[in-house]
Amino acid sequence: MTITEPQLASSIEAPAEAAPAVSGDLKPVRRRRSPLFGLAVIGLILLSGLAGVIAFNSVSKSTPVFVAKSDIVRGHVITKDDLTTISIAADQDTQAISATKADTVIGQIAAVDIPTGGMVTTSSLTKSLAVPDGKALIGITLQPGKYPAQTLHAGDNVVLVPAQAQGAPPVDITAEQTTPAVVSQVKPVPNTNDVVVDVYVSAAAAPGIASRGASGGLALYLSTGASK
């Protein structure tokens, strides 16, 4: 007897695999943004532009002015090496001198001490220093050895001493023969080692000092005492 194996019915099929999701079938979720967000963005853009305009105008409306590159003492004749510049607002109310007007500064005399970085103004310059009441201004030409090696500055207290002629025997000089003075300014004599020192002395002593100074018969030294 033949035994026939049962056959699976062809109608029974394997379960179908799930179809992959198609991305195109998915609809993104859209968020509605508040109108205030757009206004805020526009406001930021406008503010940035305004800040740029203000910064540009600030730079474009500034002007360079002269300041002291290093300390300038009263009585000093100003040169280009004494100066540098900074920029300030063009509408700033000061006595500052524009860097375009160098000819109004160079060659002028400092009427006051100007510290490093200090602004050079019209009131800090003068063509000549005023002579105080009861004083006289005298220029003395001095050779090396008749004045200190230390640089003299306007306002320094000095003592004028009668100088002996070269080759003459030494003579003791008493305090009564000296004259107190105050330096006004110092200028080197071109192509020499000599200097001209302008000094204030009492009006009463001026004639004798001027005479000795013209003949080269004076020397000076620095003093801590005030002039009389």
Protein backbone atom coordinates (compact mmCIF):
# COMPACT_ATOMS: atom_id res chain seq x y z
CA MET A 1 0.00 0.00 0.00
CA THR A 2 1.32 3.29 -1.05
CA ILE A 3 1.20 6.10 1.44
CA THR A 4 0.88 9.49 -0.18
CA GLU A 5 2.40 12.44 1.76
CA PRO A 6 0.03 15.28 2.27
CA GLN A 7 0.92 18.39 0.23
CA LEU A 8 0.59 21.90 1.46
CA ALA A 9 -2.08 23.74 -0.24
CA SER A 10 -0.68 26.25 -2.69
CA SER A 11 -3.23 28.67 -1.49
CA ILE A 12 -1.30 29.13 1.75
CA GLU A 13 1.15 31.98 1.22
CA ALA A 14 3.92 33.46 3.38
CA PRO A 15 2.96 36.63 5.15
CA ALA A 16 3.86 39.65 3.06
CA GLU A 17 6.57 42.02 4.33
CA ALA A 18 5.48 45.47 5.36
CA ALA A 19 6.10 48.07 2.63
CA PRO A 20 8.76 50.61 3.53
CA ALA A 21 7.51 54.04 4.40
CA VAL A 22 7.92 56.54 1.64
CA SER A 23 9.36 59.77 2.89
CA GLY A 24 7.45 61.71 0.38
CA ASP A 25 4.26 60.65 1.98
CA LEU A 26 5.22 62.37 5.28
CA LYS A 27 4.07 65.93 5.68
CA PRO A 28 6.33 68.19 7.86
CA VAL A 29 4.81 69.94 10.77
CA ARG A 30 4.90 73.70 10.20
CA ARG A 31 5.18 76.07 13.12
CA ARG A 32 3.59 79.42 12.82
CA ARG A 33 5.96 82.17 13.99
CA SER A 34 4.68 85.24 15.71
CA PRO A 35 4.81 88.49 13.67
CA LEU A 36 6.76 89.97 16.57
CA PHE A 37 9.71 87.72 15.68
CA GLY A 38 9.96 89.24 12.23
CA LEU A 39 9.70 92.72 13.65
CA ALA A 40 12.50 91.94 16.12
CA VAL A 41 14.79 90.74 13.31
CA ILE A 42 14.09 93.86 11.28
CA GLY A 43 14.75 95.99 14.34
CA LEU A 44 18.14 94.34 14.93
CA ILE A 45 19.13 94.90 11.31
CA LEU A 46 18.15 98.56 11.52
CA LEU A 47 20.03 99.02 14.81
CA SER A 48 23.16 97.42 13.37
CA GLY A 49 23.00 99.72 10.37
CA LEU A 50 22.45 102.75 12.58
CA ALA A 51 25.42 101.81 14.79
CA GLY A 52 27.59 101.54 11.69
CA VAL A 53 26.48 104.96 10.47
CA ILE A 54 27.18 106.52 13.88
CA ALA A 55 30.61 104.92 14.06
CA PHE A 56 31.44 106.09 10.55
CA ASN A 57 30.27 109.62 11.26
CA SER A 58 32.23 109.66 14.52
CA VAL A 59 35.44 108.72 12.71
CA SER A 60 34.82 110.95 9.72
CA LYS A 61 34.06 113.96 11.94
CA SER A 62 37.16 113.63 14.14
CA THR A 63 40.18 115.86 13.70
CA PRO A 64 43.85 115.29 14.66
CA VAL A 65 45.34 117.83 17.07
CA PHE A 66 48.79 118.39 18.54
CA VAL A 67 49.88 116.96 21.89
CA ALA A 68 53.29 116.84 23.54
CA LYS A 69 55.34 113.75 22.62
CA SER A 70 57.43 114.28 25.77
CA ASP A 71 57.55 116.84 28.58
CA ILE A 72 57.87 120.40 27.26
CA VAL A 73 59.13 122.94 29.78
CA ARG A 74 58.15 126.57 29.91
CA GLY A 75 60.42 128.67 27.72
CA HIS A 76 61.29 125.81 25.36
CA VAL A 77 61.17 126.64 21.65
CA ILE A 78 58.92 123.99 20.14
CA THR A 79 60.16 121.82 17.28
CA LYS A 80 58.41 119.11 15.26
CA ASP A 81 60.19 116.46 17.37
CA ASP A 82 58.32 117.72 20.45
CA LEU A 83 54.92 116.95 18.92
CA THR A 84 52.61 114.07 18.11
CA THR A 85 48.85 113.96 17.42
CA ILE A 86 45.62 112.47 18.73
CA SER A 87 42.11 112.61 17.25
CA ILE A 88 39.23 114.36 18.98
CA ALA A 89 35.63 115.03 17.98
CA ALA A 90 35.51 117.81 15.44
CA ASP A 91 32.83 119.68 17.37
CA GLN A 92 34.62 119.43 20.72
CA ASP A 93 35.03 122.88 22.25
CA THR A 94 38.75 123.18 23.04
CA GLN A 95 41.68 125.44 22.27
CA ALA A 96 43.40 122.50 20.59
CA ILE A 97 45.46 123.27 17.50
CA SER A 98 44.75 121.23 14.37
CA ALA A 99 47.63 119.13 13.04
CA THR A 100 47.16 120.93 9.71
CA LYS A 101 48.46 124.14 11.33
CA ALA A 102 52.00 123.07 12.19
CA ASP A 103 53.36 126.47 11.18
CA THR A 104 51.44 128.09 14.05
CA VAL A 105 53.13 125.81 16.62
CA ILE A 106 56.68 125.07 15.49
CA GLY A 107 59.04 127.87 16.52
CA GLN A 108 56.72 129.15 19.23
CA ILE A 109 57.72 129.29 22.91
CA ALA A 110 55.97 127.19 25.55
CA ALA A 111 54.28 129.66 27.88
CA VAL A 112 53.67 126.91 30.46
CA ASP A 113 54.96 123.42 31.20
CA ILE A 114 53.19 120.86 28.95
CA PRO A 115 53.38 117.26 30.23
CA THR A 116 53.71 114.24 27.96
CA GLY A 117 50.39 113.71 26.18
CA GLY A 118 49.20 117.18 27.17
CA MET A 119 47.26 119.08 24.54
CA VAL A 120 49.07 121.96 22.89
CA THR A 121 46.67 124.90 22.93
CA THR A 122 46.74 128.50 21.81
CA SER A 123 47.09 129.64 25.44
CA SER A 124 50.10 127.40 26.07
CA LEU A 125 52.16 129.10 23.34
CA THR A 126 53.66 132.55 23.05
CA LYS A 127 56.06 134.45 20.82
CA SER A 128 57.96 135.72 23.86
CA LEU A 129 57.70 135.31 27.60
CA ALA A 130 56.53 138.34 29.53
CA VAL A 131 59.12 140.01 31.77
CA PRO A 132 57.93 140.11 35.40
CA ASP A 133 57.63 143.48 37.11
CA GLY A 134 60.91 144.69 38.57
CA LYS A 135 62.95 142.30 36.42
CA ALA A 136 65.02 142.57 33.26
CA LEU A 137 65.68 139.89 30.64
CA ILE A 138 69.32 139.51 29.57
CA GLY A 139 70.93 137.11 27.14
CA ILE A 140 74.34 135.69 28.10
CA THR A 141 76.55 133.73 25.71
CA LEU A 142 78.41 131.06 27.65
CA GLN A 143 81.19 128.72 26.61
CA PRO A 144 81.55 125.14 27.90
CA GLY A 145 82.87 125.18 31.44
CA LYS A 146 80.93 128.32 32.30
CA TYR A 147 77.61 126.53 32.69
CA PRO A 148 76.60 123.08 34.01
CA ALA A 149 76.65 120.03 31.78
CA GLN A 150 73.16 119.30 33.07
CA THR A 151 70.55 120.74 30.73
CA LEU A 152 69.14 124.04 31.90
CA HIS A 153 65.39 124.57 31.77
CA ALA A 154 63.12 127.57 31.98
CA GLY A 155 62.42 128.39 35.62
CA ASP A 156 65.75 127.08 36.91
CA ASN A 157 67.26 129.21 39.65
CA VAL A 158 70.88 130.06 38.85
CA VAL A 159 73.59 132.29 40.23
CA LEU A 160 75.67 134.51 37.94
CA VAL A 161 79.34 134.75 38.87
CA PRO A 162 82.00 137.12 37.52
CA ALA A 163 84.37 135.07 35.37
CA GLN A 164 88.07 135.76 35.18
CA ALA A 165 89.82 136.35 31.91
CA GLN A 166 91.67 133.34 30.56
CA GLY A 167 95.24 133.23 31.95
CA ALA A 168 94.49 135.63 34.78
CA PRO A 169 95.44 134.55 38.31
CA PRO A 170 92.58 133.06 40.36
CA VAL A 171 90.63 135.43 42.56
CA ASP A 172 88.20 134.49 45.31
CA ILE A 173 84.64 135.58 44.56
CA THR A 174 82.36 136.46 47.45
CA ALA A 175 78.61 135.96 47.60
CA GLU A 176 78.14 139.73 47.40
CA GLN A 177 79.66 139.70 43.92
CA THR A 178 77.19 137.14 42.58
CA THR A 179 73.73 137.79 41.17
CA PRO A 180 70.74 135.48 41.48
CA ALA A 181 68.76 134.90 38.28
CA VAL A 182 66.07 132.73 36.76
CA VAL A 183 66.45 131.01 33.40
CA SER A 184 63.95 132.04 30.74
CA GLN A 185 65.18 129.90 27.87
CA VAL A 186 68.32 128.29 26.47
CA LYS A 187 69.41 128.18 22.82
CA PRO A 188 72.55 126.58 21.40
CA VAL A 189 74.71 128.75 19.15
CA PRO A 190 74.85 127.07 15.71
CA ASN A 191 78.14 125.34 14.78
CA THR A 192 79.65 125.92 18.23
CA ASN A 193 79.49 124.45 21.72
CA ASP A 194 78.33 127.76 23.14
CA VAL A 195 74.82 128.47 24.41
CA VAL A 196 72.81 131.63 24.87
CA VAL A 197 71.02 131.64 28.21
CA ASP A 198 68.26 134.20 28.67
CA VAL A 199 67.93 135.06 32.35
CA TYR A 200 65.73 137.29 34.47
CA VAL A 201 67.64 139.49 36.89
CA SER A 202 66.61 142.43 39.03
CA ALA A 203 66.25 145.66 37.10
CA ALA A 204 68.87 147.27 39.36
CA ALA A 205 71.49 144.60 38.55
CA ALA A 206 70.71 144.48 34.84
CA PRO A 207 73.21 147.10 33.55
CA GLY A 208 76.25 145.49 35.18
CA ILE A 209 75.17 141.96 34.20
CA ALA A 210 74.57 143.00 30.60
CA SER A 211 78.02 144.59 30.41
CA ARG A 212 79.83 141.56 31.88
CA GLY A 213 77.79 139.19 29.72
CA ALA A 214 78.67 141.03 26.52
CA SER A 215 82.39 140.74 27.30
CA GLY A 216 82.18 137.06 28.21
CA GLY A 217 82.92 137.81 31.84
CA LEU A 218 80.18 135.67 33.41
CA ALA A 219 79.63 132.06 34.43
CA LEU A 220 76.65 130.52 36.20
CA TYR A 221 75.71 127.62 38.41
CA LEU A 222 72.41 126.02 39.44
CA SER A 223 70.98 127.01 42.79
CA THR A 224 68.08 125.87 44.94
CA GLY A 225 67.42 129.39 46.19
CA ALA A 226 64.84 131.73 44.71
CA SER A 227 65.98 134.73 42.76
CA LYS A 228 65.66 138.14 44.38
